[in-house]
N, C-alpha and C. Protein backbone atom coordinates (compact mmCIF):
# COMPACT_ATOMS: atom_id res chain seq x y z
N MET A 1 -50.76 43.43 -8.42
CA MET A 1 -50.30 44.25 -9.50
C MET A 1 -50.82 45.42 -9.92
N THR A 2 -51.05 46.94 -9.19
CA THR A 2 -51.66 47.70 -10.03
C THR A 2 -51.24 48.05 -11.26
N GLY A 3 -52.05 48.82 -11.86
CA GLY A 3 -51.95 49.41 -13.58
C GLY A 3 -50.37 50.13 -13.27
N PHE A 4 -50.52 51.19 -12.55
CA PHE A 4 -49.33 51.83 -12.55
C PHE A 4 -47.89 50.99 -12.40
N PHE A 5 -47.84 50.23 -11.47
CA PHE A 5 -46.76 49.56 -11.13
C PHE A 5 -46.35 48.60 -12.29
N GLU A 6 -47.90 48.10 -12.70
CA GLU A 6 -47.42 46.90 -14.02
C GLU A 6 -46.54 47.71 -14.94
N PHE A 7 -47.31 49.13 -15.35
CA PHE A 7 -46.66 49.72 -16.44
C PHE A 7 -45.04 50.14 -16.22
N GLN A 8 -44.60 50.54 -14.89
CA GLN A 8 -43.42 50.71 -14.71
C GLN A 8 -42.63 49.42 -14.78
N PHE A 9 -43.12 48.53 -14.29
CA PHE A 9 -42.54 47.03 -14.94
C PHE A 9 -42.05 46.92 -15.97
N TYR A 10 -43.22 47.14 -16.94
CA TYR A 10 -42.98 46.79 -18.31
C TYR A 10 -42.12 48.05 -19.09
N LEU A 11 -42.06 49.16 -18.33
CA LEU A 11 -41.04 50.15 -18.97
C LEU A 11 -39.63 50.24 -18.44
N PHE A 12 -39.17 49.29 -17.20
CA PHE A 12 -38.21 48.96 -17.23
C PHE A 12 -37.76 47.80 -18.04
N ALA A 13 -38.48 46.67 -17.91
CA ALA A 13 -38.19 45.69 -18.90
C ALA A 13 -37.84 46.44 -20.20
N LEU A 14 -38.57 46.98 -20.76
CA LEU A 14 -37.97 47.58 -22.06
C LEU A 14 -36.98 48.23 -22.26
N LEU A 15 -36.67 49.09 -21.03
CA LEU A 15 -35.64 50.18 -21.28
C LEU A 15 -34.35 48.83 -21.20
N ALA A 16 -34.51 47.68 -20.29
CA ALA A 16 -33.26 46.75 -20.26
C ALA A 16 -33.10 46.07 -21.64
N ILE A 17 -34.05 45.76 -22.16
CA ILE A 17 -34.17 44.97 -23.35
C ILE A 17 -33.55 45.73 -24.47
N VAL A 18 -33.99 47.09 -24.77
CA VAL A 18 -33.45 47.96 -25.67
C VAL A 18 -32.07 48.09 -25.73
N SER A 19 -31.65 48.31 -24.29
CA SER A 19 -30.23 48.86 -24.08
C SER A 19 -29.34 47.55 -24.34
N ALA A 20 -29.72 46.40 -23.96
CA ALA A 20 -29.22 45.26 -24.17
C ALA A 20 -28.76 45.04 -25.59
N LEU A 21 -29.97 45.28 -26.63
CA LEU A 21 -29.61 45.45 -27.71
C LEU A 21 -28.79 46.13 -28.50
N LEU A 22 -28.71 47.34 -27.74
CA LEU A 22 -27.81 48.53 -28.38
C LEU A 22 -26.45 48.21 -27.79
N PHE A 23 -26.48 47.58 -26.71
CA PHE A 23 -25.24 47.00 -26.16
C PHE A 23 -24.21 46.19 -27.32
N VAL A 24 -25.42 45.05 -27.86
CA VAL A 24 -24.53 44.20 -28.47
C VAL A 24 -24.29 44.58 -30.01
N THR A 25 -25.10 45.77 -30.38
CA THR A 25 -24.81 46.11 -31.67
C THR A 25 -23.94 47.07 -32.00
N ARG A 26 -23.16 47.40 -31.00
CA ARG A 26 -22.23 48.76 -30.91
C ARG A 26 -20.77 47.85 -31.30
N LYS A 27 -20.51 48.87 -32.19
CA LYS A 27 -18.86 48.71 -32.77
C LYS A 27 -18.00 48.84 -31.69
N ASN A 28 -18.09 49.77 -31.14
CA ASN A 28 -16.69 50.76 -30.34
C ASN A 28 -17.42 49.99 -28.75
N ALA A 29 -16.31 50.31 -28.14
CA ALA A 29 -16.35 49.62 -26.80
C ALA A 29 -16.84 50.49 -25.65
N VAL A 30 -16.37 51.82 -25.93
CA VAL A 30 -16.96 52.95 -24.88
C VAL A 30 -18.42 53.04 -24.83
N PRO A 31 -19.00 53.06 -25.92
CA PRO A 31 -20.45 53.27 -26.01
C PRO A 31 -21.22 51.74 -25.99
N ALA A 32 -20.69 50.89 -25.85
CA ALA A 32 -21.01 49.30 -25.66
C ALA A 32 -21.50 49.43 -24.04
N ALA A 33 -20.17 49.72 -23.53
CA ALA A 33 -20.01 49.61 -22.11
C ALA A 33 -21.00 50.81 -21.25
N LEU A 34 -20.98 51.72 -21.88
CA LEU A 34 -22.50 52.67 -21.23
C LEU A 34 -23.77 51.87 -21.50
N TRP A 35 -24.10 51.29 -22.67
CA TRP A 35 -25.29 50.85 -22.59
C TRP A 35 -25.57 49.85 -22.00
N LEU A 36 -24.25 49.01 -21.46
CA LEU A 36 -24.23 48.20 -20.19
C LEU A 36 -24.69 48.59 -19.20
N VAL A 37 -24.09 49.56 -18.77
CA VAL A 37 -24.44 50.28 -17.76
C VAL A 37 -26.12 50.94 -17.25
N ASN A 38 -26.65 51.04 -18.68
CA ASN A 38 -27.98 51.31 -18.35
C ASN A 38 -28.97 50.09 -18.40
N VAL A 39 -28.28 48.76 -18.85
CA VAL A 39 -28.91 47.72 -18.42
C VAL A 39 -28.88 47.43 -17.17
N MET A 40 -27.72 47.43 -16.57
CA MET A 40 -27.54 47.12 -15.01
C MET A 40 -28.65 48.18 -14.29
N PHE A 41 -28.74 49.49 -14.56
CA PHE A 41 -29.83 49.98 -13.69
C PHE A 41 -31.48 49.75 -13.99
N ALA A 42 -31.69 49.58 -15.38
CA ALA A 42 -33.06 48.77 -15.42
C ALA A 42 -33.15 47.65 -14.95
N LEU A 43 -32.08 46.86 -14.41
CA LEU A 43 -32.44 45.59 -13.99
C LEU A 43 -32.59 45.92 -12.42
N SER A 44 -31.84 46.80 -12.04
CA SER A 44 -32.09 47.42 -10.72
C SER A 44 -33.52 47.60 -10.25
N GLY A 45 -33.90 48.72 -10.97
CA GLY A 45 -35.10 49.00 -10.95
C GLY A 45 -36.30 47.93 -10.89
N LEU A 46 -35.79 47.11 -12.05
CA LEU A 46 -36.76 45.67 -11.60
C LEU A 46 -36.64 44.65 -10.85
N TYR A 47 -35.66 45.07 -9.81
CA TYR A 47 -35.20 44.21 -8.75
C TYR A 47 -35.94 44.92 -7.49
N VAL A 48 -36.17 46.20 -7.48
CA VAL A 48 -36.59 46.98 -6.49
C VAL A 48 -38.30 47.13 -6.66
N MET A 49 -38.68 46.53 -7.57
CA MET A 49 -40.14 46.74 -7.98
C MET A 49 -40.61 45.18 -7.62
N LEU A 50 -39.66 43.81 -7.65
CA LEU A 50 -40.09 42.86 -7.29
C LEU A 50 -39.98 42.44 -5.64
N ASP A 51 -39.82 43.85 -5.26
CA ASP A 51 -39.52 43.78 -3.32
C ASP A 51 -37.94 43.14 -2.85
N ALA A 52 -37.00 43.25 -3.71
CA ALA A 52 -35.83 43.05 -3.54
C ALA A 52 -34.71 44.00 -3.77
N PRO A 53 -35.10 45.23 -2.57
CA PRO A 53 -34.10 46.32 -2.81
C PRO A 53 -32.64 46.38 -2.23
N PHE A 54 -32.14 45.09 -1.48
CA PHE A 54 -31.12 45.13 -1.33
C PHE A 54 -30.56 44.47 -2.51
N VAL A 55 -31.28 43.47 -3.16
CA VAL A 55 -30.46 42.95 -4.38
C VAL A 55 -30.40 44.06 -5.75
N GLY A 56 -30.90 44.92 -5.55
CA GLY A 56 -31.30 46.17 -6.45
C GLY A 56 -30.15 47.29 -6.26
N ALA A 57 -30.18 47.39 -4.97
CA ALA A 57 -28.70 48.30 -4.59
C ALA A 57 -27.21 47.53 -4.48
N ILE A 58 -27.09 46.35 -4.66
CA ILE A 58 -26.21 45.67 -4.54
C ILE A 58 -25.84 45.80 -6.21
N GLN A 59 -27.01 45.41 -7.04
CA GLN A 59 -27.01 45.63 -8.62
C GLN A 59 -26.31 46.89 -8.99
N VAL A 60 -27.04 48.01 -8.36
CA VAL A 60 -26.23 49.28 -9.05
C VAL A 60 -24.48 49.59 -8.29
N LEU A 61 -24.51 49.42 -7.16
CA LEU A 61 -23.19 49.49 -6.38
C LEU A 61 -21.99 48.65 -6.89
N VAL A 62 -22.27 47.14 -7.26
CA VAL A 62 -21.01 46.15 -7.91
C VAL A 62 -21.45 46.07 -9.31
N TYR A 63 -22.03 46.10 -10.29
CA TYR A 63 -22.00 45.89 -11.18
C TYR A 63 -21.80 47.23 -11.84
N ALA A 64 -22.99 48.12 -11.55
CA ALA A 64 -23.12 49.12 -12.53
C ALA A 64 -21.99 50.22 -12.19
N GLY A 65 -21.28 49.98 -10.98
CA GLY A 65 -20.70 50.61 -10.21
C GLY A 65 -19.05 50.39 -10.38
N ALA A 66 -18.91 49.09 -9.56
CA ALA A 66 -17.41 49.00 -9.35
C ALA A 66 -17.02 48.19 -11.08
N ILE A 67 -17.87 47.07 -11.40
CA ILE A 67 -17.28 46.50 -12.68
C ILE A 67 -17.34 47.27 -13.65
N MET A 68 -18.17 47.70 -13.71
CA MET A 68 -18.26 48.81 -15.23
C MET A 68 -17.20 49.90 -15.03
N VAL A 69 -16.73 50.26 -14.01
CA VAL A 69 -15.47 51.24 -13.96
C VAL A 69 -14.49 50.35 -14.31
N VAL A 70 -14.20 49.11 -13.83
CA VAL A 70 -12.92 48.53 -14.27
C VAL A 70 -13.24 48.02 -15.98
N PHE A 71 -14.37 48.21 -16.35
CA PHE A 71 -14.56 47.87 -17.89
C PHE A 71 -13.86 48.98 -18.34
N VAL A 72 -14.54 50.31 -17.99
CA VAL A 72 -14.53 51.59 -19.09
C VAL A 72 -12.83 51.92 -18.61
N PHE A 73 -12.14 51.66 -17.55
CA PHE A 73 -10.77 51.75 -17.14
C PHE A 73 -9.91 50.86 -18.23
N VAL A 74 -10.07 49.67 -18.46
CA VAL A 74 -9.21 48.82 -19.12
C VAL A 74 -9.51 49.41 -20.66
N VAL A 75 -11.16 49.61 -21.14
CA VAL A 75 -10.90 50.22 -22.40
C VAL A 75 -10.35 51.51 -22.97
N MET A 76 -10.21 52.36 -21.75
CA MET A 76 -9.51 53.61 -22.00
C MET A 76 -7.96 53.41 -21.97
N LEU A 77 -7.52 52.37 -20.93
CA LEU A 77 -6.13 52.13 -20.80
C LEU A 77 -5.74 51.59 -22.26
N LEU A 78 -6.29 50.55 -22.99
CA LEU A 78 -6.03 50.16 -24.16
C LEU A 78 -6.29 51.36 -25.43
N ASN A 79 -6.82 52.30 -25.06
CA ASN A 79 -7.34 53.61 -26.19
C ASN A 79 -8.21 52.75 -26.95
N LEU A 80 -8.88 52.24 -26.70
CA LEU A 80 -10.08 51.58 -27.71
C LEU A 80 -11.32 52.74 -27.68
N GLY A 81 -11.21 53.59 -27.09
CA GLY A 81 -12.09 54.44 -26.88
C GLY A 81 -12.62 55.75 -28.38
N ARG A 82 -11.84 55.22 -29.45
CA ARG A 82 -12.03 56.28 -30.62
C ARG A 82 -13.20 55.82 -31.28
N HIS A 83 -13.95 57.18 -31.39
CA HIS A 83 -15.34 56.65 -31.82
C HIS A 83 -15.79 57.55 -32.17
N GLU A 84 -16.73 57.76 -33.39
CA GLU A 84 -17.05 59.00 -33.93
C GLU A 84 -18.48 59.17 -32.97
N ILE A 85 -18.64 60.76 -32.66
CA ILE A 85 -19.74 60.97 -32.12
C ILE A 85 -21.22 61.40 -32.87
N SER A 86 -21.03 61.47 -34.45
CA SER A 86 -22.05 61.72 -35.25
C SER A 86 -23.04 60.61 -34.87
N ASP A 87 -22.87 59.05 -34.60
CA ASP A 87 -23.80 58.42 -34.53
C ASP A 87 -24.88 58.44 -33.08
N LEU A 88 -24.26 59.11 -32.23
CA LEU A 88 -25.17 59.89 -30.88
C LEU A 88 -26.08 60.95 -31.16
N ARG A 89 -25.47 61.71 -32.57
CA ARG A 89 -26.29 62.79 -32.92
C ARG A 89 -27.57 62.68 -33.77
N SER A 90 -27.72 61.50 -34.22
CA SER A 90 -28.91 61.07 -35.07
C SER A 90 -30.45 61.49 -34.34
N LEU A 91 -31.21 61.74 -35.25
CA LEU A 91 -32.36 62.19 -34.95
C LEU A 91 -33.04 60.86 -33.95
N GLY A 92 -33.01 59.68 -34.41
CA GLY A 92 -33.70 58.72 -33.74
C GLY A 92 -33.27 58.22 -32.46
N VAL A 93 -32.21 58.59 -31.91
CA VAL A 93 -31.22 58.75 -30.90
C VAL A 93 -31.90 59.59 -30.09
N ARG A 94 -32.08 60.75 -30.53
CA ARG A 94 -32.59 62.20 -29.84
C ARG A 94 -34.05 61.87 -29.77
N LEU A 95 -34.55 61.24 -30.39
CA LEU A 95 -36.17 60.91 -30.33
C LEU A 95 -36.26 60.07 -29.14
N GLY A 96 -35.61 58.54 -28.95
CA GLY A 96 -35.64 57.72 -28.54
C GLY A 96 -35.37 58.24 -27.06
N ALA A 97 -34.36 59.08 -26.68
CA ALA A 97 -33.77 58.92 -25.68
C ALA A 97 -34.88 60.30 -25.08
N GLY A 98 -35.33 61.16 -26.04
CA GLY A 98 -36.39 62.29 -25.64
C GLY A 98 -37.78 61.38 -24.67
N PHE A 99 -37.97 60.13 -25.46
CA PHE A 99 -39.33 59.59 -25.20
C PHE A 99 -39.26 58.77 -23.56
N MET A 100 -38.01 58.14 -23.92
CA MET A 100 -37.61 57.58 -22.62
C MET A 100 -37.53 58.55 -21.34
N GLY A 101 -36.63 59.67 -21.55
CA GLY A 101 -37.01 60.97 -20.27
C GLY A 101 -38.49 61.23 -20.20
N LEU A 102 -39.36 61.64 -21.04
CA LEU A 102 -40.48 61.91 -20.79
C LEU A 102 -41.32 60.70 -20.25
N ALA A 103 -41.19 59.48 -20.45
CA ALA A 103 -42.01 58.53 -19.90
C ALA A 103 -41.42 58.24 -18.50
N LEU A 104 -40.10 58.06 -18.14
CA LEU A 104 -39.84 58.26 -16.78
C LEU A 104 -40.00 59.48 -15.85
N LEU A 105 -40.00 60.78 -16.32
CA LEU A 105 -40.74 61.53 -15.79
C LEU A 105 -42.03 61.48 -15.62
N ALA A 106 -42.95 61.03 -16.35
CA ALA A 106 -44.28 60.75 -16.03
C ALA A 106 -44.40 60.02 -15.06
N ASN A 107 -43.61 58.67 -14.93
CA ASN A 107 -43.81 57.86 -13.66
C ASN A 107 -43.50 58.43 -12.60
N LEU A 108 -42.16 59.60 -12.66
CA LEU A 108 -42.40 60.26 -11.00
C LEU A 108 -43.49 61.22 -10.85
N LEU A 109 -43.87 61.77 -11.89
CA LEU A 109 -45.14 62.79 -11.66
C LEU A 109 -46.42 61.90 -10.97
N VAL A 110 -46.25 60.95 -11.74
CA VAL A 110 -47.77 59.93 -11.58
C VAL A 110 -47.82 59.24 -10.03
N ALA A 111 -46.37 58.98 -9.74
CA ALA A 111 -45.94 58.57 -8.49
C ALA A 111 -46.07 59.45 -7.18
N GLN A 112 -45.87 60.67 -7.55
CA GLN A 112 -45.74 61.60 -6.49
C GLN A 112 -47.11 62.40 -6.36
N ARG A 113 -48.19 62.23 -7.07
CA ARG A 113 -49.51 62.96 -7.54
C ARG A 113 -50.42 61.47 -6.65
N HIS A 114 -49.94 60.35 -6.83
CA HIS A 114 -50.92 59.70 -5.96
C HIS A 114 -50.63 59.01 -5.06
N ARG A 115 -49.18 58.96 -4.79
CA ARG A 115 -48.82 58.21 -3.83
C ARG A 115 -49.72 56.79 -3.34
N LEU A 116 -49.30 55.99 -4.44
CA LEU A 116 -49.82 54.75 -4.76
C LEU A 116 -49.46 54.05 -3.51
N PRO A 117 -49.88 52.66 -2.71
CA PRO A 117 -49.39 52.12 -1.88
C PRO A 117 -48.67 51.02 -2.47
N ARG A 118 -47.57 50.43 -1.79
CA ARG A 118 -46.75 49.64 -1.99
C ARG A 118 -47.21 48.06 -1.71
N VAL A 119 -47.01 47.62 -2.58
CA VAL A 119 -47.69 46.15 -2.58
C VAL A 119 -46.97 45.31 -1.50
N ALA A 120 -47.46 44.80 -0.22
CA ALA A 120 -47.21 44.01 0.94
C ALA A 120 -46.26 43.07 0.82
N PRO A 121 -44.48 43.02 1.03
CA PRO A 121 -43.71 42.13 0.80
C PRO A 121 -44.10 41.18 1.69
N ALA A 122 -43.69 39.88 1.51
CA ALA A 122 -44.01 38.72 2.10
C ALA A 122 -43.13 38.93 3.49
N PRO A 123 -43.69 38.31 4.59
CA PRO A 123 -43.22 38.45 6.18
C PRO A 123 -41.79 37.86 5.91
N MET A 124 -41.08 38.67 6.50
CA MET A 124 -39.62 38.24 6.61
C MET A 124 -38.84 38.83 7.67
N SER A 125 -37.56 38.35 8.00
CA SER A 125 -36.82 38.84 8.97
C SER A 125 -36.34 40.43 8.59
N ASP A 126 -35.99 41.08 9.66
CA ASP A 126 -35.40 42.27 9.33
C ASP A 126 -34.21 42.86 8.66
N ASN A 127 -33.47 41.72 9.31
CA ASN A 127 -31.84 41.85 8.51
C ASN A 127 -32.14 40.70 7.26
N VAL A 128 -31.96 41.57 6.16
CA VAL A 128 -31.70 40.80 4.67
C VAL A 128 -30.31 40.78 4.32
N VAL A 129 -29.43 41.31 5.01
CA VAL A 129 -28.19 41.14 4.25
C VAL A 129 -27.20 39.93 4.92
N GLU A 130 -27.61 39.54 6.13
CA GLU A 130 -27.21 38.53 6.94
C GLU A 130 -27.32 36.87 6.15
N PRO A 131 -28.39 36.55 5.65
CA PRO A 131 -28.52 35.16 4.78
C PRO A 131 -27.55 35.22 3.38
N VAL A 132 -27.83 36.68 2.80
CA VAL A 132 -26.88 36.85 1.56
C VAL A 132 -25.15 36.77 1.96
N ALA A 133 -24.85 37.48 2.98
CA ALA A 133 -23.67 37.39 3.59
C ALA A 133 -23.21 36.03 3.88
N ALA A 134 -23.88 35.61 4.79
CA ALA A 134 -23.94 33.94 5.17
C ALA A 134 -23.56 33.43 4.05
N ALA A 135 -24.30 33.38 2.96
CA ALA A 135 -24.20 32.29 1.97
C ALA A 135 -22.92 32.15 1.15
N LEU A 136 -22.43 34.18 0.78
CA LEU A 136 -21.54 34.41 0.09
C LEU A 136 -20.26 34.18 0.30
N PHE A 137 -20.17 34.12 1.86
CA PHE A 137 -18.80 33.77 2.43
C PHE A 137 -18.81 32.48 3.12
N THR A 138 -19.57 31.81 2.98
CA THR A 138 -19.47 30.50 3.23
C THR A 138 -19.61 29.13 1.93
N ASP A 139 -20.74 29.21 1.35
CA ASP A 139 -20.89 28.50 0.20
C ASP A 139 -20.29 29.12 -1.17
N TYR A 140 -20.15 30.20 -1.12
CA TYR A 140 -19.88 30.97 -2.58
C TYR A 140 -18.61 31.63 -2.06
N LEU A 141 -17.86 31.20 -1.26
CA LEU A 141 -16.53 32.06 -1.04
C LEU A 141 -15.30 31.92 -2.25
N VAL A 142 -15.14 30.49 -2.43
CA VAL A 142 -14.13 29.88 -3.68
C VAL A 142 -14.66 30.94 -4.74
N ALA A 143 -15.80 30.85 -5.53
CA ALA A 143 -16.43 31.61 -6.63
C ALA A 143 -16.14 33.36 -6.57
N PHE A 144 -16.62 33.61 -4.96
CA PHE A 144 -16.27 35.11 -5.24
C PHE A 144 -14.95 35.42 -4.96
N GLU A 145 -13.84 34.48 -4.68
CA GLU A 145 -12.60 34.93 -4.57
C GLU A 145 -12.45 34.55 -5.87
N LEU A 146 -12.42 33.84 -6.70
CA LEU A 146 -11.77 33.70 -7.90
C LEU A 146 -12.57 34.66 -9.02
N THR A 147 -13.49 35.32 -8.58
CA THR A 147 -14.02 36.61 -9.73
C THR A 147 -13.19 37.69 -9.22
N SER A 148 -12.88 37.74 -8.10
CA SER A 148 -12.09 38.97 -8.13
C SER A 148 -10.28 38.69 -8.38
N ILE A 149 -9.88 37.63 -8.80
CA ILE A 149 -8.65 37.04 -9.23
C ILE A 149 -8.55 37.33 -10.49
N VAL A 150 -9.77 37.11 -11.42
CA VAL A 150 -10.23 37.05 -12.74
C VAL A 150 -10.24 38.90 -13.12
N LEU A 151 -10.97 39.26 -12.37
CA LEU A 151 -10.95 41.05 -12.57
C LEU A 151 -9.36 41.78 -12.33
N LEU A 152 -8.81 40.90 -11.32
CA LEU A 152 -7.18 41.50 -11.21
C LEU A 152 -6.42 41.27 -12.45
N VAL A 153 -6.50 39.88 -12.97
CA VAL A 153 -5.78 39.58 -13.85
C VAL A 153 -6.08 40.25 -15.19
N ALA A 154 -7.42 40.65 -15.69
CA ALA A 154 -7.60 41.49 -16.44
C ALA A 154 -7.25 42.96 -16.60
N VAL A 155 -7.15 43.49 -15.46
CA VAL A 155 -6.69 44.76 -15.22
C VAL A 155 -5.09 44.61 -15.77
N VAL A 156 -4.65 43.71 -15.18
CA VAL A 156 -2.94 43.82 -15.03
C VAL A 156 -2.61 43.48 -16.71
N GLY A 157 -3.70 42.72 -17.34
CA GLY A 157 -3.42 42.29 -18.64
C GLY A 157 -3.50 43.59 -19.64
N ALA A 158 -4.36 44.51 -19.20
CA ALA A 158 -4.81 45.71 -20.00
C ALA A 158 -3.57 46.27 -20.19
N VAL A 159 -3.06 46.42 -18.51
CA VAL A 159 -1.82 47.20 -18.32
C VAL A 159 -0.42 47.09 -19.47
N LEU A 160 -0.51 45.63 -19.24
CA LEU A 160 0.57 44.87 -19.99
C LEU A 160 0.33 45.33 -21.62
N LEU A 161 -0.83 45.14 -22.12
CA LEU A 161 -0.82 45.39 -23.68
C LEU A 161 -1.03 46.76 -23.82
N ALA A 162 -1.23 47.52 -22.98
CA ALA A 162 -0.99 49.24 -22.92
C ALA A 162 0.49 49.38 -23.00
N LYS A 163 1.17 48.75 -21.97
CA LYS A 163 2.54 49.05 -22.10
C LYS A 163 3.33 48.77 -23.28
N LYS A 164 3.18 47.45 -23.99
CA LYS A 164 3.55 47.07 -25.12
C LYS A 164 3.16 47.82 -26.45
N ARG A 165 1.81 48.85 -26.36
CA ARG A 165 1.69 49.11 -27.64
C ARG A 165 2.22 50.34 -27.75
N ALA A 166 2.39 51.18 -26.23
CA ALA A 166 3.41 52.37 -26.33
C ALA A 166 4.48 52.11 -26.43
N SER A 167 5.34 51.06 -26.31
CA SER A 167 6.63 51.12 -26.53
C SER A 167 6.73 50.46 -27.71
N ALA A 168 6.06 50.54 -28.48
CA ALA A 168 5.95 49.91 -30.28
C ALA A 168 6.30 51.15 -30.79
């Protein structure tokens, strides 16, 4: 791994760890969910750097996209999103966000300027979706369907809780 790719790897890892720590230390559900989305994007970047672009794309589409939309929908439906914006306006948060933005911008500029070669992946077939789909819909079909049922039950439970709170 060249120095640039190593720097990017550690940057995404640091971003994932810091975002995860901020996720578990938030008192309110909405900022916690947004930090969890940030963790998912950082993990996706790590997967892409490890030459697993399909897993990285699925990480963004399934976890950061679909599941987090369900989480935020349930939080908003339960009206748990009341929080103070003042904690987001602190100087430390602004400086941290500015530093991470500058670091990611520097990454993009260096990559654009030098056009570093990619590390050659191990030889494999052109179709990377087929083995994942075969395993998902044969060996792990029951777990896949149970996960969808759990998400459905969570949404129905949130709707029922919201209706009870509105009628009370």
